[in-house]
């Protein structure tokens, strides 16, 4: 996810350098031939590319809007994951208070139960992030999970789903042991249901491909548009046709690239939803709830490096 406002020009131009190179060469060749051989019959009415430009602008605006809606929905879902993760940890921490159970069972048993649940929730966030990006969801899970939990989730293709299932088993055990009452169990189970719902929404966005034909049609229209533009401008601005073409092409191609990058918010690109940063924030907050040293990767690591301008 892009973090800095002053994004390097080289990063922006690098996304469309091939398109700009081709447009520059094409406009340069047309201008050279026009002036070298005085071929006046090559000019076309400027109204033709103007009409095409208006139509393409509307199509690009519609596509950019749809792509941003997908990106914003993904960010909203992860905002809900942050809230529900904190709520779940708070419920674990307050509904089950190990300080007042010394007359029934050892304090340590409930304390370790709470710690296990909170750390498993942290693992779920990291696993979901890797799962959506097509990475190995088992990466670094040993930091948060017990051996028993690790053995259980290895039998599943969907690791986040397996972790929620373990949450459900432990909540049932807590209810059976009398650590929580029925109403508390219902509240905590509803929190797990919301987390599962958020995971399903992310998978829906991930697995619903933006129509490829729509992208091809727009790109083809842009190619035709830029092939006509030099012939419409050359009589009016002569040698300025080349810089004018570069300017117009950069504007259109950047908008197109922006839409392409935003339409898939879980593809491990700088324009993605910042799931790694969100997961570290969740980990920091949840570890503080169980009085454990919070992580410092975001403040002192990737984002703290002045040379870096994005973090995934």
Foldseek 3Di string as FASTA:
>chain_A
DFFDPCDDPCVLCVVCVVVLVVLLVLLVVVLCCCVVVVCLVLADAPVVLVVLVVVLVVLLVVLLVLLQVLQVVLLVLLVLLLVLLLVLLVLLLPLFPLVPCVVPDHSVVSLVLSQLLNLLSLLLLQLLLCVLQVHHSCPPSPVRHDPVLVVQQVVDPRNSVSSLVVVLVSLVVCCVVVSHDPVSSVVSVVSSVSVVVSSVVSVVLSPDDDDPVSLVVSVVSVVVSSSNQSSHCCVPPRPCSSVVSSVVSSVSVSSSVSSVCSSRQSNPDQNHNQSVVSSLVSQQVSCVSSPHHGDCCCVCHDVVDPVDRGHD
